[in-house]
Amino acid sequence: MEVINTNYPEFGYAVRYTLNEGIIDWEVTNEDGDVLMTGKFSSKDSYQSKFTIIPSNIEENVYESLFYLYFENIKLACIELVEDKNVEDIEELDEE
């Protein structure tokens, strides 16, 4: 299991990606360390995530920033991580 922590200062959030056998669990926290959103990304699901926004009754600007963070950063990072892992797996098979 591999864990990658990434800060997105333009949004004011940090994301922790946990990679485990083709599935990536991810979690968004704010600057206070509060968990705002969690999700699971699987390459087997046509590169789609299922996610949950934790706080209820959030302000519109927070919802919008989480939405943009997901589509502009998290989803692309997950695709890149999965594709990098697949390339590494193929390279390991070629070496054997």
PDB file of N, CA and C in Angstrom:
ATOM      1  N   MET A   1       0.851  -1.172   0.000  1.00  0.00           N
ATOM      2  CA  MET A   1       0.000   0.000   0.000  1.00  0.00           C
ATOM      3  C   MET A   1       0.900   1.239   0.000  1.00  0.00           C
ATOM      4  N   GLU A   2       0.582   2.175  -0.884  1.00  0.00           N
ATOM      5  CA  GLU A   2       1.357   3.398  -1.015  1.00  0.00           C
ATOM      6  C   GLU A   2       0.464   4.594  -0.693  1.00  0.00           C
ATOM      7  N   VAL A   3       0.997   5.561   0.060  1.00  0.00           N
ATOM      8  CA  VAL A   3       0.244   6.763   0.417  1.00  0.00           C
ATOM      9  C   VAL A   3       0.973   7.977  -0.149  1.00  0.00           C
ATOM     10  N   ILE A   4       0.205   8.837  -0.832  1.00  0.00           N
ATOM     11  CA  ILE A   4       0.751  10.068  -1.403  1.00  0.00           C
ATOM     12  C   ILE A   4      -0.075  11.231  -0.888  1.00  0.00           C
ATOM     13  N   ASN A   5       0.591  12.213  -0.307  1.00  0.00           N
ATOM     14  CA  ASN A   5      -0.077  13.420   0.189  1.00  0.00           C
ATOM     15  C   ASN A   5       0.252  14.573  -0.749  1.00  0.00           C
ATOM     16  N   THR A   6      -0.785  15.275  -1.187  1.00  0.00           N
ATOM     17  CA  THR A   6      -0.606  16.386  -2.114  1.00  0.00           C
ATOM     18  C   THR A   6      -1.384  17.592  -1.615  1.00  0.00           C
ATOM     19  N   ASN A   7      -0.745  18.748  -1.619  1.00  0.00           N
ATOM     20  CA  ASN A   7      -1.407  19.994  -1.242  1.00  0.00           C
ATOM     21  C   ASN A   7      -1.841  20.734  -2.497  1.00  0.00           C
ATOM     22  N   TYR A   8      -3.012  21.324  -2.429  1.00  0.00           N
ATOM     23  CA  TYR A   8      -3.537  22.153  -3.508  1.00  0.00           C
ATOM     24  C   TYR A   8      -3.816  23.532  -2.917  1.00  0.00           C
ATOM     25  N   PRO A   9      -2.769  24.366  -2.792  1.00  0.00           N
ATOM     26  CA  PRO A   9      -2.915  25.665  -2.124  1.00  0.00           C
ATOM     27  C   PRO A   9      -3.895  26.600  -2.828  1.00  0.00           C
ATOM     28  N   GLU A  10      -4.066  26.444  -4.134  1.00  0.00           N
ATOM     29  CA  GLU A  10      -5.007  27.303  -4.847  1.00  0.00           C
ATOM     30  C   GLU A  10      -6.443  27.064  -4.388  1.00  0.00           C
ATOM     31  N   PHE A  11      -6.709  25.880  -3.835  1.00  0.00           N
ATOM     32  CA  PHE A  11      -8.031  25.568  -3.294  1.00  0.00           C
ATOM     33  C   PHE A  11      -8.051  25.636  -1.771  1.00  0.00           C
ATOM     34  N   GLY A  12      -6.881  25.534  -1.135  1.00  0.00           N
ATOM     35  CA  GLY A  12      -6.805  25.518   0.321  1.00  0.00           C
ATOM     36  C   GLY A  12      -7.076  24.141   0.904  1.00  0.00           C
ATOM     37  N   TYR A  13      -6.850  23.093   0.103  1.00  0.00           N
ATOM     38  CA  TYR A  13      -7.114  21.724   0.544  1.00  0.00           C
ATOM     39  C   TYR A  13      -5.885  20.847   0.337  1.00  0.00           C
ATOM     40  N   ALA A  14      -5.883  19.739   1.052  1.00  0.00           N
ATOM     41  CA  ALA A  14      -4.868  18.700   0.865  1.00  0.00           C
ATOM     42  C   ALA A  14      -5.605  17.403   0.546  1.00  0.00           C
ATOM     43  N   VAL A  15      -4.967  16.561  -0.245  1.00  0.00           N
ATOM     44  CA  VAL A  15      -5.565  15.275  -0.607  1.00  0.00           C
ATOM     45  C   VAL A  15      -4.573  14.173  -0.287  1.00  0.00           C
ATOM     46  N   ARG A  16      -5.073  13.137   0.361  1.00  0.00           N
ATOM     47  CA  ARG A  16      -4.268  11.947   0.642  1.00  0.00           C
ATOM     48  C   ARG A  16      -4.773  10.833  -0.262  1.00  0.00           C
ATOM     49  N   TYR A  17      -3.877  10.328  -1.104  1.00  0.00           N
ATOM     50  CA  TYR A  17      -4.189   9.217  -2.000  1.00  0.00           C
ATOM     51  C   TYR A  17      -3.582   7.951  -1.410  1.00  0.00           C
ATOM     52  N   THR A  18      -4.386   6.899  -1.283  1.00  0.00           N
ATOM     53  CA  THR A  18      -3.895   5.618  -0.803  1.00  0.00           C
ATOM     54  C   THR A  18      -4.106   4.592  -1.907  1.00  0.00           C
ATOM     55  N   LEU A  19      -3.013   4.095  -2.461  1.00  0.00           N
ATOM     56  CA  LEU A  19      -3.063   3.150  -3.574  1.00  0.00           C
ATOM     57  C   LEU A  19      -2.993   1.731  -3.045  1.00  0.00           C
ATOM     58  N   ASN A  20      -3.905   0.891  -3.522  1.00  0.00           N
ATOM     59  CA  ASN A  20      -3.935  -0.488  -3.077  1.00  0.00           C
ATOM     60  C   ASN A  20      -4.518  -1.364  -4.181  1.00  0.00           C
ATOM     61  N   GLU A  21      -3.663  -2.030  -4.946  1.00  0.00           N
ATOM     62  CA  GLU A  21      -4.052  -3.001  -5.968  1.00  0.00           C
ATOM     63  C   GLU A  21      -5.105  -2.484  -6.944  1.00  0.00           C
ATOM     64  N   GLY A  22      -4.824  -1.406  -7.649  1.00  0.00           N
ATOM     65  CA  GLY A  22      -5.718  -0.894  -8.684  1.00  0.00           C
ATOM     66  C   GLY A  22      -6.859  -0.031  -8.181  1.00  0.00           C
ATOM     67  N   ILE A  23      -6.946   0.139  -6.875  1.00  0.00           N
ATOM     68  CA  ILE A  23      -7.976   0.991  -6.289  1.00  0.00           C
ATOM     69  C   ILE A  23      -7.287   2.097  -5.500  1.00  0.00           C
ATOM     70  N   ILE A  24      -7.782   3.314  -5.675  1.00  0.00           N
ATOM     71  CA  ILE A  24      -7.217   4.453  -4.954  1.00  0.00           C
ATOM     72  C   ILE A  24      -8.305   5.039  -4.067  1.00  0.00           C
ATOM     73  N   ASP A  25      -8.045   5.031  -2.773  1.00  0.00           N
ATOM     74  CA  ASP A  25      -8.899   5.743  -1.828  1.00  0.00           C
ATOM     75  C   ASP A  25      -8.309   7.136  -1.683  1.00  0.00           C
ATOM     76  N   TRP A  26      -9.161   8.158  -1.684  1.00  0.00           N
ATOM     77  CA  TRP A  26      -8.661   9.512  -1.522  1.00  0.00           C
ATOM     78  C   TRP A  26      -9.521  10.276  -0.538  1.00  0.00           C
ATOM     79  N   GLU A  27      -8.884  11.264   0.105  1.00  0.00           N
ATOM     80  CA  GLU A  27      -9.543  12.021   1.165  1.00  0.00           C
ATOM     81  C   GLU A  27      -9.102  13.479   1.079  1.00  0.00           C
ATOM     82  N   VAL A  28     -10.056  14.397   1.085  1.00  0.00           N
ATOM     83  CA  VAL A  28      -9.780  15.830   1.024  1.00  0.00           C
ATOM     84  C   VAL A  28      -9.958  16.422   2.418  1.00  0.00           C
ATOM     85  N   THR A  29      -8.945  17.176   2.849  1.00  0.00           N
ATOM     86  CA  THR A  29      -9.035  17.874   4.129  1.00  0.00           C
ATOM     87  C   THR A  29      -8.789  19.364   3.901  1.00  0.00           C
ATOM     88  N   ASN A  30      -9.355  20.166   4.788  1.00  0.00           N
ATOM     89  CA  ASN A  30      -9.105  21.607   4.699  1.00  0.00           C
ATOM     90  C   ASN A  30      -7.879  21.951   5.539  1.00  0.00           C
ATOM     91  N   GLU A  31      -7.574  23.237   5.639  1.00  0.00           N
ATOM     92  CA  GLU A  31      -6.379  23.677   6.366  1.00  0.00           C
ATOM     93  C   GLU A  31      -6.444  23.364   7.857  1.00  0.00           C
ATOM     94  N   ASP A  32      -7.661  23.192   8.393  1.00  0.00           N
ATOM     95  CA  ASP A  32      -7.829  22.842   9.805  1.00  0.00           C
ATOM     96  C   ASP A  32      -7.741  21.336  10.051  1.00  0.00           C
ATOM     97  N   GLY A  33      -7.602  20.550   8.976  1.00  0.00           N
ATOM     98  CA  GLY A  33      -7.526  19.101   9.102  1.00  0.00           C
ATOM     99  C   GLY A  33      -8.879  18.414   9.091  1.00  0.00           C
ATOM    100  N   ASP A  34      -9.957  19.170   8.858  1.00  0.00           N
ATOM    101  CA  ASP A  34     -11.294  18.580   8.788  1.00  0.00           C
ATOM    102  C   ASP A  34     -11.466  17.834   7.470  1.00  0.00           C
ATOM    103  N   VAL A  35     -11.998  16.618   7.530  1.00  0.00           N
ATOM    104  CA  VAL A  35     -12.262  15.841   6.320  1.00  0.00           C
ATOM    105  C   VAL A  35     -13.525  16.391   5.668  1.00  0.00           C
ATOM    106  N   LEU A  36     -13.399  16.799   4.404  1.00  0.00           N
ATOM    107  CA  LEU A  36     -14.525  17.371   3.680  1.00  0.00           C
ATOM    108  C   LEU A  36     -15.117  16.401   2.667  1.00  0.00           C
ATOM    109  N   MET A  37     -14.283  15.515   2.139  1.00  0.00           N
ATOM    110  CA  MET A  37     -14.735  14.665   1.044  1.00  0.00           C
ATOM    111  C   MET A  37     -13.864  13.413   1.011  1.00  0.00           C
ATOM    112  N   THR A  38     -14.483  12.276   0.764  1.00  0.00           N
ATOM    113  CA  THR A  38     -13.741  11.031   0.603  1.00  0.00           C
ATOM    114  C   THR A  38     -14.222  10.356  -0.675  1.00  0.00           C
ATOM    115  N   GLY A  39     -13.366   9.523  -1.232  1.00  0.00           N
ATOM    116  CA  GLY A  39     -13.772   8.836  -2.448  1.00  0.00           C
ATOM    117  C   GLY A  39     -12.929   7.612  -2.716  1.00  0.00           C
ATOM    118  N   LYS A  40     -13.381   6.860  -3.707  1.00  0.00           N
ATOM    119  CA  LYS A  40     -12.702   5.645  -4.132  1.00  0.00           C
ATOM    120  C   LYS A  40     -12.668   5.666  -5.650  1.00  0.00           C
ATOM    121  N   PHE A  41     -11.490   5.469  -6.221  1.00  0.00           N
ATOM    122  CA  PHE A  41     -11.286   5.464  -7.662  1.00  0.00           C
ATOM    123  C   PHE A  41     -10.838   4.082  -8.082  1.00  0.00           C
ATOM    124  N   SER A  42     -11.474   3.561  -9.116  1.00  0.00           N
ATOM    125  CA  SER A  42     -11.097   2.244  -9.623  1.00  0.00           C
ATOM    126  C   SER A  42     -10.944   2.304 -11.128  1.00  0.00           C
ATOM    127  N   SER A  43      -9.845   1.783 -11.626  1.00  0.00           N
ATOM    128  CA  SER A  43      -9.636   1.761 -13.072  1.00  0.00           C
ATOM    129  C   SER A  43     -10.609   0.797 -13.741  1.00  0.00           C
ATOM    130  N   LYS A  44     -11.145  -0.137 -12.998  1.00  0.00           N
ATOM    131  CA  LYS A  44     -12.100  -1.107 -13.551  1.00  0.00           C
ATOM    132  C   LYS A  44     -13.468  -0.483 -13.797  1.00  0.00           C
ATOM    133  N   ASP A  45     -13.736   0.673 -13.202  1.00  0.00           N
ATOM    134  CA  ASP A  45     -15.027   1.354 -13.357  1.00  0.00           C
ATOM    135  C   ASP A  45     -14.935   2.482 -14.375  1.00  0.00           C
ATOM    136  N   SER A  46     -14.203   2.264 -15.456  1.00  0.00           N
ATOM    137  CA  SER A  46     -14.050   3.259 -16.521  1.00  0.00           C
ATOM    138  C   SER A  46     -13.526   4.583 -15.990  1.00  0.00           C
ATOM    139  N   TYR A  47     -12.583   4.503 -15.062  1.00  0.00           N
ATOM    140  CA  TYR A  47     -11.949   5.692 -14.493  1.00  0.00           C
ATOM    141  C   TYR A  47     -12.950   6.624 -13.819  1.00  0.00           C
ATOM    142  N   GLN A  48     -13.830   6.054 -13.018  1.00  0.00           N
ATOM    143  CA  GLN A  48     -14.794   6.872 -12.283  1.00  0.00           C
ATOM    144  C   GLN A  48     -14.574   6.707 -10.787  1.00  0.00           C
ATOM    145  N   SER A  49     -14.875   7.776 -10.075  1.00  0.00           N
ATOM    146  CA  SER A  49     -14.823   7.743  -8.614  1.00  0.00           C
ATOM    147  C   SER A  49     -16.234   7.724  -8.053  1.00  0.00           C
ATOM    148  N   LYS A  50     -16.329   7.168  -6.892  1.00  0.00           N
ATOM    149  CA  LYS A  50     -17.533   7.325  -6.071  1.00  0.00           C
ATOM    150  C   LYS A  50     -17.061   8.116  -4.875  1.00  0.00           C
ATOM    151  N   PHE A  51     -17.781   9.189  -4.549  1.00  0.00           N
ATOM    152  CA  PHE A  51     -17.304  10.023  -3.456  1.00  0.00           C
ATOM    153  C   PHE A  51     -18.452  10.520  -2.596  1.00  0.00           C
ATOM    154  N   THR A  52     -18.068  10.958  -1.402  1.00  0.00           N
ATOM    155  CA  THR A  52     -19.011  11.479  -0.422  1.00  0.00           C
ATOM    156  C   THR A  52     -18.490  12.811   0.087  1.00  0.00           C
ATOM    157  N   ILE A  53     -19.368  13.800   0.106  1.00  0.00           N
ATOM    158  CA  ILE A  53     -19.037  15.074   0.734  1.00  0.00           C
ATOM    159  C   ILE A  53     -19.517  14.973   2.170  1.00  0.00           C
ATOM    160  N   ILE A  54     -18.601  15.081   3.108  1.00  0.00           N
ATOM    161  CA  ILE A  54     -18.884  14.792   4.516  1.00  0.00           C
ATOM    162  C   ILE A  54     -19.800  15.826   5.184  1.00  0.00           C
ATOM    163  N   PRO A  55     -19.418  17.103   5.197  1.00  0.00           N
ATOM    164  CA  PRO A  55     -20.295  18.040   5.911  1.00  0.00           C
ATOM    165  C   PRO A  55     -21.593  18.265   5.128  1.00  0.00           C
ATOM    166  N   SER A  56     -22.673  18.387   5.838  1.00  0.00           N
ATOM    167  CA  SER A  56     -23.934  18.723   5.177  1.00  0.00           C
ATOM    168  C   SER A  56     -24.144  20.231   5.302  1.00  0.00           C
ATOM    169  N   ASN A  57     -25.000  20.741   4.478  1.00  0.00           N
ATOM    170  CA  ASN A  57     -25.337  22.159   4.533  1.00  0.00           C
ATOM    171  C   ASN A  57     -24.103  23.056   4.330  1.00  0.00           C
ATOM    172  N   ILE A  58     -23.272  22.708   3.335  1.00  0.00           N
ATOM    173  CA  ILE A  58     -22.087  23.518   3.081  1.00  0.00           C
ATOM    174  C   ILE A  58     -22.435  24.691   2.164  1.00  0.00           C
ATOM    175  N   GLU A  59     -21.617  25.705   2.226  1.00  0.00           N
ATOM    176  CA  GLU A  59     -21.839  26.877   1.391  1.00  0.00           C
ATOM    177  C   GLU A  59     -21.556  26.543  -0.070  1.00  0.00           C
ATOM    178  N   GLU A  60     -22.205  27.267  -0.951  1.00  0.00           N
ATOM    179  CA  GLU A  60     -22.085  27.014  -2.386  1.00  0.00           C
ATOM    180  C   GLU A  60     -20.637  27.118  -2.861  1.00  0.00           C
ATOM    181  N   ASN A  61     -19.888  28.103  -2.373  1.00  0.00           N
ATOM    182  CA  ASN A  61     -18.510  28.256  -2.848  1.00  0.00           C
ATOM    183  C   ASN A  61     -17.625  27.085  -2.413  1.00  0.00           C
ATOM    184  N   VAL A  62     -17.899  26.475  -1.268  1.00  0.00           N
ATOM    185  CA  VAL A  62     -17.141  25.299  -0.830  1.00  0.00           C
ATOM    186  C   VAL A  62     -17.479  24.124  -1.734  1.00  0.00           C
ATOM    187  N   TYR A  63     -18.753  23.932  -2.018  1.00  0.00           N
ATOM    188  CA  TYR A  63     -19.169  22.851  -2.909  1.00  0.00           C
ATOM    189  C   TYR A  63     -18.513  23.014  -4.274  1.00  0.00           C
ATOM    190  N   GLU A  64     -18.532  24.232  -4.818  1.00  0.00           N
ATOM    191  CA  GLU A  64     -17.941  24.481  -6.134  1.00  0.00           C
ATOM    192  C   GLU A  64     -16.439  24.209  -6.131  1.00  0.00           C
ATOM    193  N   SER A  65     -15.747  24.631  -5.089  1.00  0.00           N
ATOM    194  CA  SER A  65     -14.304  24.413  -5.059  1.00  0.00           C
ATOM    195  C   SER A  65     -13.973  22.922  -4.946  1.00  0.00           C
ATOM    196  N   LEU A  66     -14.768  22.157  -4.179  1.00  0.00           N
ATOM    197  CA  LEU A  66     -14.561  20.707  -4.108  1.00  0.00           C
ATOM    198  C   LEU A  66     -14.831  20.051  -5.462  1.00  0.00           C
ATOM    199  N   PHE A  67     -15.863  20.511  -6.138  1.00  0.00           N
ATOM    200  CA  PHE A  67     -16.214  19.999  -7.458  1.00  0.00           C
ATOM    201  C   PHE A  67     -15.057  20.229  -8.436  1.00  0.00           C
ATOM    202  N   TYR A  68     -14.544  21.458  -8.475  1.00  0.00           N
ATOM    203  CA  TYR A  68     -13.429  21.764  -9.381  1.00  0.00           C
ATOM    204  C   TYR A  68     -12.155  21.035  -8.977  1.00  0.00           C
ATOM    205  N   LEU A  69     -11.906  20.926  -7.679  1.00  0.00           N
ATOM    206  CA  LEU A  69     -10.739  20.185  -7.213  1.00  0.00           C
ATOM    207  C   LEU A  69     -10.798  18.750  -7.712  1.00  0.00           C
ATOM    208  N   TYR A  70     -11.985  18.134  -7.617  1.00  0.00           N
ATOM    209  CA  TYR A  70     -12.119  16.756  -8.077  1.00  0.00           C
ATOM    210  C   TYR A  70     -11.846  16.646  -9.574  1.00  0.00           C
ATOM    211  N   PHE A  71     -12.539  17.417 -10.393  1.00  0.00           N
ATOM    212  CA  PHE A  71     -12.425  17.259 -11.837  1.00  0.00           C
ATOM    213  C   PHE A  71     -11.113  17.781 -12.415  1.00  0.00           C
ATOM    214  N   GLU A  72     -10.536  18.814 -11.820  1.00  0.00           N
ATOM    215  CA  GLU A  72      -9.306  19.385 -12.363  1.00  0.00           C
ATOM    216  C   GLU A  72      -8.043  18.750 -11.795  1.00  0.00           C
ATOM    217  N   ASN A  73      -8.146  18.090 -10.648  1.00  0.00           N
ATOM    218  CA  ASN A  73      -6.939  17.569 -10.008  1.00  0.00           C
ATOM    219  C   ASN A  73      -7.050  16.114  -9.570  1.00  0.00           C
ATOM    220  N   ILE A  74      -8.017  15.800  -8.725  1.00  0.00           N
ATOM    221  CA  ILE A  74      -8.082  14.457  -8.136  1.00  0.00           C
ATOM    222  C   ILE A  74      -8.277  13.390  -9.208  1.00  0.00           C
ATOM    223  N   LYS A  75      -9.257  13.567 -10.080  1.00  0.00           N
ATOM    224  CA  LYS A  75      -9.526  12.545 -11.091  1.00  0.00           C
ATOM    225  C   LYS A  75      -8.317  12.358 -12.002  1.00  0.00           C
ATOM    226  N   LEU A  76      -7.714  13.458 -12.436  1.00  0.00           N
ATOM    227  CA  LEU A  76      -6.548  13.357 -13.310  1.00  0.00           C
ATOM    228  C   LEU A  76      -5.366  12.702 -12.598  1.00  0.00           C
ATOM    229  N   ALA A  77      -5.175  13.028 -11.315  1.00  0.00           N
ATOM    230  CA  ALA A  77      -4.094  12.411 -10.537  1.00  0.00           C
ATOM    231  C   ALA A  77      -4.325  10.909 -10.390  1.00  0.00           C
ATOM    232  N   CYS A  78      -5.570  10.515 -10.143  1.00  0.00           N
ATOM    233  CA  CYS A  78      -5.881   9.092 -10.006  1.00  0.00           C
ATOM    234  C   CYS A  78      -5.625   8.347 -11.311  1.00  0.00           C
ATOM    235  N   ILE A  79      -6.038   8.925 -12.428  1.00  0.00           N
ATOM    236  CA  ILE A  79      -5.798   8.285 -13.729  1.00  0.00           C
ATOM    237  C   ILE A  79      -4.293   8.137 -13.956  1.00  0.00           C
ATOM    238  N   GLU A  80      -3.551   9.191 -13.675  1.00  0.00           N
ATOM    239  CA  GLU A  80      -2.108   9.141 -13.856  1.00  0.00           C
ATOM    240  C   GLU A  80      -1.467   8.090 -12.957  1.00  0.00           C
ATOM    241  N   LEU A  81      -1.894   8.024 -11.703  1.00  0.00           N
ATOM    242  CA  LEU A  81      -1.344   7.034 -10.771  1.00  0.00           C
ATOM    243  C   LEU A  81      -1.642   5.620 -11.235  1.00  0.00           C
ATOM    244  N   VAL A  82      -2.852   5.366 -11.686  1.00  0.00           N
ATOM    245  CA  VAL A  82      -3.231   4.025 -12.156  1.00  0.00           C
ATOM    246  C   VAL A  82      -2.447   3.675 -13.406  1.00  0.00           C
ATOM    247  N   GLU A  83      -2.343   4.618 -14.338  1.00  0.00           N
ATOM    248  CA  GLU A  83      -1.608   4.336 -15.571  1.00  0.00           C
ATOM    249  C   GLU A  83      -0.125   4.146 -15.301  1.00  0.00           C
ATOM    250  N   ASP A  84       0.447   4.919 -14.379  1.00  0.00           N
ATOM    251  CA  ASP A  84       1.848   4.724 -14.008  1.00  0.00           C
ATOM    252  C   ASP A  84       2.064   3.353 -13.398  1.00  0.00           C
ATOM    253  N   LYS A  85       1.148   2.912 -12.551  1.00  0.00           N
ATOM    254  CA  LYS A  85       1.266   1.591 -11.936  1.00  0.00           C
ATOM    255  C   LYS A  85       1.176   0.509 -13.000  1.00  0.00           C
ATOM    256  N   ASN A  86       0.275   0.676 -13.968  1.00  0.00           N
ATOM    257  CA  ASN A  86       0.157  -0.316 -15.041  1.00  0.00           C
ATOM    258  C   ASN A  86       1.433  -0.376 -15.865  1.00  0.00           C
ATOM    259  N   VAL A  87       2.055   0.772 -16.131  1.00  0.00           N
ATOM    260  CA  VAL A  87       3.314   0.802 -16.878  1.00  0.00           C
ATOM    261  C   VAL A  87       4.396   0.093 -16.081  1.00  0.00           C
ATOM    262  N   GLU A  88       4.463   0.368 -14.763  1.00  0.00           N
ATOM    263  CA  GLU A  88       5.457  -0.296 -13.919  1.00  0.00           C
ATOM    264  C   GLU A  88       5.240  -1.803 -13.918  1.00  0.00           C
ATOM    265  N   ASP A  89       3.980  -2.250 -13.833  1.00  0.00           N
ATOM    266  CA  ASP A  89       3.679  -3.678 -13.834  1.00  0.00           C
ATOM    267  C   ASP A  89       4.130  -4.324 -15.138  1.00  0.00           C
ATOM    268  N   ILE A  90       3.893  -3.644 -16.256  1.00  0.00           N
ATOM    269  CA  ILE A  90       4.299  -4.178 -17.556  1.00  0.00           C
ATOM    270  C   ILE A  90       5.815  -4.244 -17.646  1.00  0.00           C
ATOM    271  N   GLU A  91       6.500  -3.202 -17.172  1.00  0.00           N
ATOM    272  CA  GLU A  91       7.958  -3.191 -17.199  1.00  0.00           C
ATOM    273  C   GLU A  91       8.517  -4.305 -16.333  1.00  0.00           C
ATOM    274  N   GLU A  92       7.906  -4.584 -15.172  1.00  0.00           N
ATOM    275  CA  GLU A  92       8.363  -5.669 -14.306  1.00  0.00           C
ATOM    276  C   GLU A  92       8.188  -6.999 -15.003  1.00  0.00           C
ATOM    277  N   LEU A  93       7.084  -7.199 -15.721  1.00  0.00           N
ATOM    278  CA  LEU A  93       6.858  -8.457 -16.443  1.00  0.00           C
ATOM    279  C   LEU A  93       7.884  -8.625 -17.557  1.00  0.00           C
ATOM    280  N   ASP A  94       8.233  -7.538 -18.227  1.00  0.00           N
ATOM    281  CA  ASP A  94       9.221  -7.600 -19.303  1.00  0.00           C
ATOM    282  C   ASP A  94      10.589  -7.988 -18.779  1.00  0.00           C
ATOM    283  N   GLU A  95      10.898  -7.584 -17.548  1.00  0.00           N
ATOM    284  CA  GLU A  95      12.216  -7.894 -16.970  1.00  0.00           C
ATOM    285  C   GLU A  95      12.331  -9.361 -16.580  1.00  0.00           C
ATOM    286  N   GLU A  96      11.215 -10.018 -16.316  1.00  0.00           N
ATOM    287  CA  GLU A  96      11.256 -11.413 -15.848  1.00  0.00           C
ATOM    288  C   GLU A  96      11.508 -12.393 -16.943  1.00  0.00           C
TER     289      GLU A  96
END
